[in-house]
N, C-alpha and C. Protein backbone atom coordinates (compact mmCIF):
# COMPACT_ATOMS: atom_id res chain seq x y z
N MET A 1 -13.43 10.49 -8.06
CA MET A 1 -12.58 10.61 -6.85
C MET A 1 -11.15 10.00 -7.15
N GLN A 2 -10.15 10.70 -6.83
CA GLN A 2 -8.82 10.14 -7.08
C GLN A 2 -8.40 9.20 -5.97
N PHE A 3 -8.37 9.60 -4.80
CA PHE A 3 -7.94 8.64 -3.69
C PHE A 3 -8.52 9.26 -2.35
N LYS A 4 -8.96 8.42 -1.52
CA LYS A 4 -9.46 8.75 -0.17
C LYS A 4 -8.99 7.73 0.78
N ALA A 5 -8.46 8.03 2.01
CA ALA A 5 -8.17 7.20 3.06
C ALA A 5 -8.78 7.72 4.31
N GLU A 6 -9.53 6.86 5.04
CA GLU A 6 -10.25 7.42 6.17
C GLU A 6 -9.97 6.35 7.34
N VAL A 7 -9.69 6.73 8.58
CA VAL A 7 -9.49 5.88 9.62
C VAL A 7 -10.80 5.89 10.39
N ILE A 8 -11.29 4.66 10.61
CA ILE A 8 -12.52 4.40 11.50
C ILE A 8 -12.16 3.48 12.59
N GLN A 9 -12.44 3.95 13.84
CA GLN A 9 -12.30 3.20 14.98
C GLN A 9 -13.54 2.51 15.47
N HIS A 10 -13.40 1.24 15.67
CA HIS A 10 -14.58 0.43 16.24
C HIS A 10 -14.01 -0.55 17.37
N GLY A 11 -14.39 -0.26 18.45
CA GLY A 11 -13.77 -1.07 19.55
C GLY A 11 -12.37 -0.95 19.63
N GLY A 12 -11.59 -2.03 19.72
CA GLY A 12 -10.15 -1.95 19.80
C GLY A 12 -9.42 -2.01 18.45
N THR A 13 -10.31 -1.95 17.37
CA THR A 13 -9.67 -2.16 15.99
C THR A 13 -9.71 -0.86 15.23
N HIS A 14 -8.71 -0.53 14.51
CA HIS A 14 -8.74 0.62 13.67
C HIS A 14 -8.72 0.06 12.15
N THR A 15 -9.65 0.60 11.36
CA THR A 15 -9.70 0.37 10.03
C THR A 15 -9.44 1.55 9.09
N VAL A 16 -8.50 1.38 8.23
CA VAL A 16 -8.29 2.40 7.24
C VAL A 16 -9.05 1.93 6.00
N GLN A 17 -10.02 2.88 5.67
CA GLN A 17 -10.74 2.54 4.50
C GLN A 17 -10.23 3.24 3.29
N LEU A 18 -9.90 2.55 2.24
CA LEU A 18 -9.31 3.14 1.07
C LEU A 18 -10.31 3.16 -0.16
N ALA A 19 -10.37 4.16 -0.84
CA ALA A 19 -11.24 4.41 -1.95
C ALA A 19 -10.58 5.12 -3.09
N GLY A 20 -11.00 4.77 -4.30
CA GLY A 20 -10.32 5.31 -5.49
C GLY A 20 -9.14 4.59 -5.99
N ARG A 21 -8.23 5.41 -6.51
CA ARG A 21 -7.00 4.91 -7.16
C ARG A 21 -5.72 5.23 -6.25
N LEU A 22 -5.11 4.22 -5.69
CA LEU A 22 -3.91 4.30 -4.89
C LEU A 22 -2.77 4.46 -5.81
N GLN A 23 -2.10 5.73 -5.85
CA GLN A 23 -0.89 5.91 -6.67
C GLN A 23 0.29 6.31 -5.82
N CYS A 24 1.42 6.42 -6.54
CA CYS A 24 2.77 6.72 -5.78
C CYS A 24 2.51 7.91 -4.86
N GLU A 25 1.90 8.95 -5.33
CA GLU A 25 1.83 10.15 -4.46
C GLU A 25 0.91 10.05 -3.22
N HIS A 26 0.18 8.93 -3.09
CA HIS A 26 -0.63 8.64 -1.94
C HIS A 26 -0.10 7.73 -0.93
N THR A 27 1.10 6.98 -1.35
CA THR A 27 1.46 5.97 -0.42
C THR A 27 2.17 6.57 0.84
N ASP A 28 2.71 7.71 0.79
CA ASP A 28 3.22 8.20 2.04
C ASP A 28 2.24 8.57 3.04
N GLU A 29 0.96 9.04 2.67
CA GLU A 29 -0.20 9.19 3.43
C GLU A 29 -0.76 7.92 4.02
N LEU A 30 -0.74 6.82 3.19
CA LEU A 30 -1.21 5.57 3.67
C LEU A 30 -0.30 5.02 4.82
N ILE A 31 0.97 5.11 4.54
CA ILE A 31 2.00 4.70 5.48
C ILE A 31 1.79 5.41 6.82
N ARG A 32 1.63 6.72 6.69
CA ARG A 32 1.47 7.48 7.95
C ARG A 32 0.28 7.10 8.77
N LEU A 33 -0.87 6.95 8.02
CA LEU A 33 -2.10 6.57 8.66
C LEU A 33 -1.91 5.18 9.40
N CYS A 34 -1.30 4.25 8.73
CA CYS A 34 -1.06 2.94 9.37
C CYS A 34 -0.14 2.92 10.57
N GLU A 35 0.89 3.77 10.44
CA GLU A 35 1.80 3.89 11.56
C GLU A 35 1.27 4.60 12.78
N GLU A 36 0.32 5.53 12.46
CA GLU A 36 -0.17 6.39 13.52
C GLU A 36 -1.29 5.55 14.26
N SER A 37 -1.90 4.65 13.70
CA SER A 37 -2.92 3.74 14.36
C SER A 37 -2.40 2.69 15.08
N PRO A 38 -2.88 2.43 16.39
CA PRO A 38 -2.43 1.36 17.12
C PRO A 38 -2.87 0.00 16.52
N THR A 39 -2.21 -1.03 16.90
CA THR A 39 -2.65 -2.36 16.25
C THR A 39 -3.75 -2.90 16.99
N PRO A 40 -4.42 -3.70 16.61
CA PRO A 40 -4.49 -4.27 15.20
C PRO A 40 -5.09 -3.34 14.24
N ILE A 41 -4.66 -3.32 13.00
CA ILE A 41 -5.15 -2.48 12.01
C ILE A 41 -5.69 -3.21 10.87
N ARG A 42 -6.76 -2.81 10.27
CA ARG A 42 -7.29 -3.39 9.05
C ARG A 42 -7.30 -2.39 7.91
N LEU A 43 -7.04 -2.92 6.74
CA LEU A 43 -7.12 -2.06 5.59
C LEU A 43 -8.35 -2.58 4.74
N ASP A 44 -9.30 -1.72 4.67
CA ASP A 44 -10.54 -2.14 3.94
C ASP A 44 -10.39 -1.64 2.52
N LEU A 45 -10.24 -2.52 1.57
CA LEU A 45 -9.89 -2.28 0.18
C LEU A 45 -11.29 -2.40 -0.74
N THR A 46 -12.50 -2.43 -0.08
CA THR A 46 -13.68 -2.62 -0.78
C THR A 46 -13.87 -1.65 -1.81
N ASP A 47 -13.63 -0.28 -1.62
CA ASP A 47 -13.80 0.78 -2.54
C ASP A 47 -12.52 1.26 -3.33
N LEU A 48 -11.47 0.36 -3.17
CA LEU A 48 -10.26 0.66 -3.90
C LEU A 48 -10.37 0.16 -5.26
N VAL A 49 -10.34 1.04 -6.34
CA VAL A 49 -10.50 0.73 -7.76
C VAL A 49 -9.32 0.09 -8.35
N SER A 50 -8.11 0.75 -8.03
CA SER A 50 -6.82 0.38 -8.59
C SER A 50 -5.66 0.77 -7.81
N ALA A 51 -4.43 0.20 -8.02
CA ALA A 51 -3.34 0.69 -7.38
C ALA A 51 -2.13 0.54 -8.40
N ASP A 52 -1.31 1.63 -8.45
CA ASP A 52 -0.21 1.52 -9.25
C ASP A 52 0.89 0.66 -8.59
N PRO A 53 2.05 0.31 -9.26
CA PRO A 53 2.91 -0.60 -8.71
C PRO A 53 3.47 -0.25 -7.29
N LEU A 54 3.70 1.02 -7.04
CA LEU A 54 4.25 1.37 -5.66
C LEU A 54 3.09 1.20 -4.68
N GLY A 55 1.84 1.53 -5.08
CA GLY A 55 0.65 1.40 -4.27
C GLY A 55 0.49 -0.18 -3.85
N VAL A 56 0.67 -0.88 -4.75
CA VAL A 56 0.56 -2.43 -4.49
C VAL A 56 1.72 -2.81 -3.54
N GLU A 57 2.84 -2.37 -3.80
CA GLU A 57 3.98 -2.66 -2.93
C GLU A 57 3.76 -2.14 -1.50
N THR A 58 3.08 -0.99 -1.33
CA THR A 58 2.84 -0.30 0.00
C THR A 58 1.84 -1.28 0.71
N LEU A 59 0.82 -1.69 -0.07
CA LEU A 59 -0.20 -2.56 0.65
C LEU A 59 0.42 -3.85 1.19
N LEU A 60 1.30 -4.38 0.27
CA LEU A 60 1.97 -5.60 0.70
C LEU A 60 2.93 -5.35 1.93
N LEU A 61 3.52 -4.19 1.98
CA LEU A 61 4.40 -3.79 3.07
C LEU A 61 3.63 -3.69 4.33
N MET A 62 2.46 -3.08 4.23
CA MET A 62 1.56 -2.94 5.40
C MET A 62 1.09 -4.23 5.96
N GLN A 63 0.76 -5.14 4.94
CA GLN A 63 0.34 -6.55 5.32
C GLN A 63 1.60 -7.20 6.01
N GLU A 64 2.72 -7.08 5.53
CA GLU A 64 3.85 -7.71 6.28
C GLU A 64 4.16 -7.16 7.60
N ARG A 65 3.67 -5.96 7.84
CA ARG A 65 3.85 -5.30 9.15
C ARG A 65 2.69 -5.57 10.06
N GLY A 66 1.76 -6.47 9.60
CA GLY A 66 0.64 -6.93 10.49
C GLY A 66 -0.79 -6.37 10.18
N ALA A 67 -0.88 -5.58 9.10
CA ALA A 67 -2.14 -5.11 8.71
C ALA A 67 -2.89 -6.22 8.07
N GLN A 68 -4.26 -6.29 8.30
CA GLN A 68 -5.10 -7.23 7.70
C GLN A 68 -5.74 -6.65 6.51
N LEU A 69 -5.65 -7.17 5.31
CA LEU A 69 -6.14 -6.61 4.08
C LEU A 69 -7.54 -7.38 3.86
N GLU A 70 -8.69 -6.52 3.67
CA GLU A 70 -10.04 -7.04 3.60
C GLU A 70 -10.74 -6.45 2.44
N GLY A 71 -11.59 -7.18 1.83
CA GLY A 71 -12.56 -6.59 0.78
C GLY A 71 -12.01 -6.38 -0.50
N ALA A 72 -10.85 -6.86 -0.80
CA ALA A 72 -10.12 -6.58 -2.22
C ALA A 72 -11.02 -7.19 -3.13
N SER A 73 -11.21 -6.43 -4.41
CA SER A 73 -11.85 -6.87 -5.51
C SER A 73 -10.92 -7.94 -6.15
N PRO A 74 -11.41 -8.79 -7.05
CA PRO A 74 -10.69 -9.66 -7.75
C PRO A 74 -9.43 -9.05 -8.59
N TYR A 75 -9.68 -7.87 -9.14
CA TYR A 75 -8.66 -7.15 -9.78
C TYR A 75 -7.58 -6.76 -8.88
N ILE A 76 -7.90 -6.25 -7.64
CA ILE A 76 -6.87 -5.95 -6.72
C ILE A 76 -6.05 -7.12 -6.24
N VAL A 77 -6.85 -8.20 -6.04
CA VAL A 77 -6.18 -9.36 -5.65
C VAL A 77 -5.21 -9.91 -6.63
N LEU A 78 -5.52 -9.78 -7.91
CA LEU A 78 -4.60 -10.16 -8.94
C LEU A 78 -3.33 -9.29 -8.98
N GLN A 79 -3.56 -8.03 -8.69
CA GLN A 79 -2.45 -7.01 -8.59
C GLN A 79 -1.53 -7.38 -7.43
N LEU A 80 -2.08 -7.72 -6.33
CA LEU A 80 -1.37 -8.17 -5.05
C LEU A 80 -0.61 -9.47 -5.31
N GLU A 81 -1.21 -10.36 -6.00
CA GLU A 81 -0.46 -11.68 -6.20
C GLU A 81 0.50 -11.55 -7.42
N GLY A 82 0.38 -10.47 -8.23
CA GLY A 82 1.37 -10.31 -9.28
C GLY A 82 2.76 -9.75 -9.06
N VAL A 83 2.91 -9.38 -7.78
CA VAL A 83 4.13 -8.71 -7.47
C VAL A 83 5.09 -9.77 -6.93
N ARG A 84 6.20 -10.11 -7.67
CA ARG A 84 7.01 -11.08 -7.32
C ARG A 84 8.52 -10.54 -7.30
N PRO A 85 9.24 -11.00 -6.26
CA PRO A 85 10.69 -10.49 -6.14
C PRO A 85 11.54 -10.90 -7.30
N GLY A 86 12.40 -9.94 -7.69
CA GLY A 86 13.32 -10.25 -8.80
C GLY A 86 14.60 -10.91 -8.11
N PRO A 87 15.65 -11.18 -8.94
CA PRO A 87 16.80 -11.85 -8.39
C PRO A 87 17.46 -10.98 -7.22
N ASP A 88 17.33 -9.62 -7.34
CA ASP A 88 17.98 -8.83 -6.39
C ASP A 88 17.16 -8.57 -5.12
N GLY A 89 15.93 -9.22 -5.03
CA GLY A 89 15.08 -9.06 -3.94
C GLY A 89 14.08 -7.96 -4.10
N ALA A 90 14.22 -7.09 -5.01
CA ALA A 90 13.21 -5.93 -5.36
C ALA A 90 12.25 -6.57 -6.33
N SER A 91 10.93 -6.07 -6.02
CA SER A 91 9.94 -6.65 -7.05
C SER A 91 10.06 -6.04 -8.39
N ARG A 92 9.35 -6.64 -9.33
CA ARG A 92 9.44 -6.02 -10.64
C ARG A 92 8.58 -4.74 -10.62
N ALA A 93 7.55 -4.78 -9.80
CA ALA A 93 6.67 -3.58 -9.77
C ALA A 93 7.41 -2.29 -9.30
N SER A 94 8.34 -2.47 -8.35
CA SER A 94 9.02 -1.25 -7.86
C SER A 94 9.87 -0.64 -8.96
N ARG A 95 10.31 -1.41 -9.78
CA ARG A 95 11.14 -0.91 -10.88
C ARG A 95 10.50 0.04 -11.80
N ARG A 96 9.24 0.08 -11.87
CA ARG A 96 8.44 1.03 -12.77
C ARG A 96 7.95 2.29 -12.00
N CYS A 97 8.27 2.42 -10.70
CA CYS A 97 7.80 3.63 -9.91
C CYS A 97 8.80 4.78 -9.93
N ILE A 98 8.30 5.87 -9.73
CA ILE A 98 9.04 7.09 -9.65
C ILE A 98 9.49 7.25 -8.25
N THR A 99 10.55 8.00 -8.07
CA THR A 99 11.01 8.10 -6.67
C THR A 99 10.27 9.25 -6.01
N ASN A 100 9.67 8.97 -4.82
CA ASN A 100 9.03 9.98 -4.03
C ASN A 100 9.85 10.18 -2.73
N PRO A 101 10.50 11.24 -2.56
CA PRO A 101 11.39 11.49 -1.42
C PRO A 101 10.78 11.49 -0.11
N THR A 102 9.53 11.50 0.02
CA THR A 102 8.86 11.59 1.37
C THR A 102 8.48 10.01 1.80
N LEU A 103 8.75 9.03 0.93
CA LEU A 103 8.42 7.58 1.27
C LEU A 103 9.38 7.16 2.35
N GLU A 104 8.95 6.14 3.05
CA GLU A 104 9.78 5.53 4.00
C GLU A 104 11.08 5.04 3.39
N PRO A 105 12.10 4.92 4.09
CA PRO A 105 13.43 4.51 3.49
C PRO A 105 13.45 3.25 2.69
N GLY A 106 12.68 2.17 3.13
CA GLY A 106 12.71 0.88 2.47
C GLY A 106 12.24 1.03 0.95
N ILE A 107 11.12 1.66 0.80
CA ILE A 107 10.52 1.90 -0.44
C ILE A 107 11.44 2.89 -1.30
N ARG A 108 11.89 3.90 -0.68
CA ARG A 108 12.69 4.81 -1.37
C ARG A 108 13.96 4.19 -1.92
N GLU A 109 14.60 3.34 -1.13
CA GLU A 109 15.73 2.57 -1.53
C GLU A 109 15.40 1.76 -2.70
N LEU A 110 14.32 0.95 -2.67
CA LEU A 110 14.01 0.19 -3.88
C LEU A 110 13.95 0.99 -5.20
N ASN A 111 13.35 2.19 -5.04
CA ASN A 111 13.18 2.97 -6.23
C ASN A 111 14.60 3.56 -6.63
N LYS A 112 15.47 3.93 -5.71
CA LYS A 112 16.78 4.44 -6.07
C LYS A 112 17.54 3.29 -6.85
N GLU A 113 17.43 2.05 -6.41
CA GLU A 113 18.24 1.03 -7.11
C GLU A 113 17.71 0.80 -8.57
N ASN A 114 16.50 1.16 -8.78
CA ASN A 114 15.93 0.97 -10.14
C ASN A 114 15.94 2.09 -11.08
N GLN A 115 16.59 3.22 -10.71
CA GLN A 115 16.61 4.31 -11.61
C GLN A 115 17.81 4.19 -12.63
């Protein structure tokens, strides 16, 4: 399995379950699912195997916007903790990502700066 994201509603909480490998080409789908779901939202990372640098940045962005990250493996936790801002405010991880024109403006701008 490459990547799967599924929204599960339970009571007043929406959980987006992520499975597989979160890569640049999946981040726009994740952002869309999170923005379409009313708050509070949870991101279940139990079955997430890995995330590329833009995937990690997207998870952190969703967390900044109020999503609760749950069930992350030790490997995913290390990835999330390894993203540190550089002197210009952009993380080192975003510097390695390709530009995806369908991404939200904030992430797209980070990628443009680093080309």
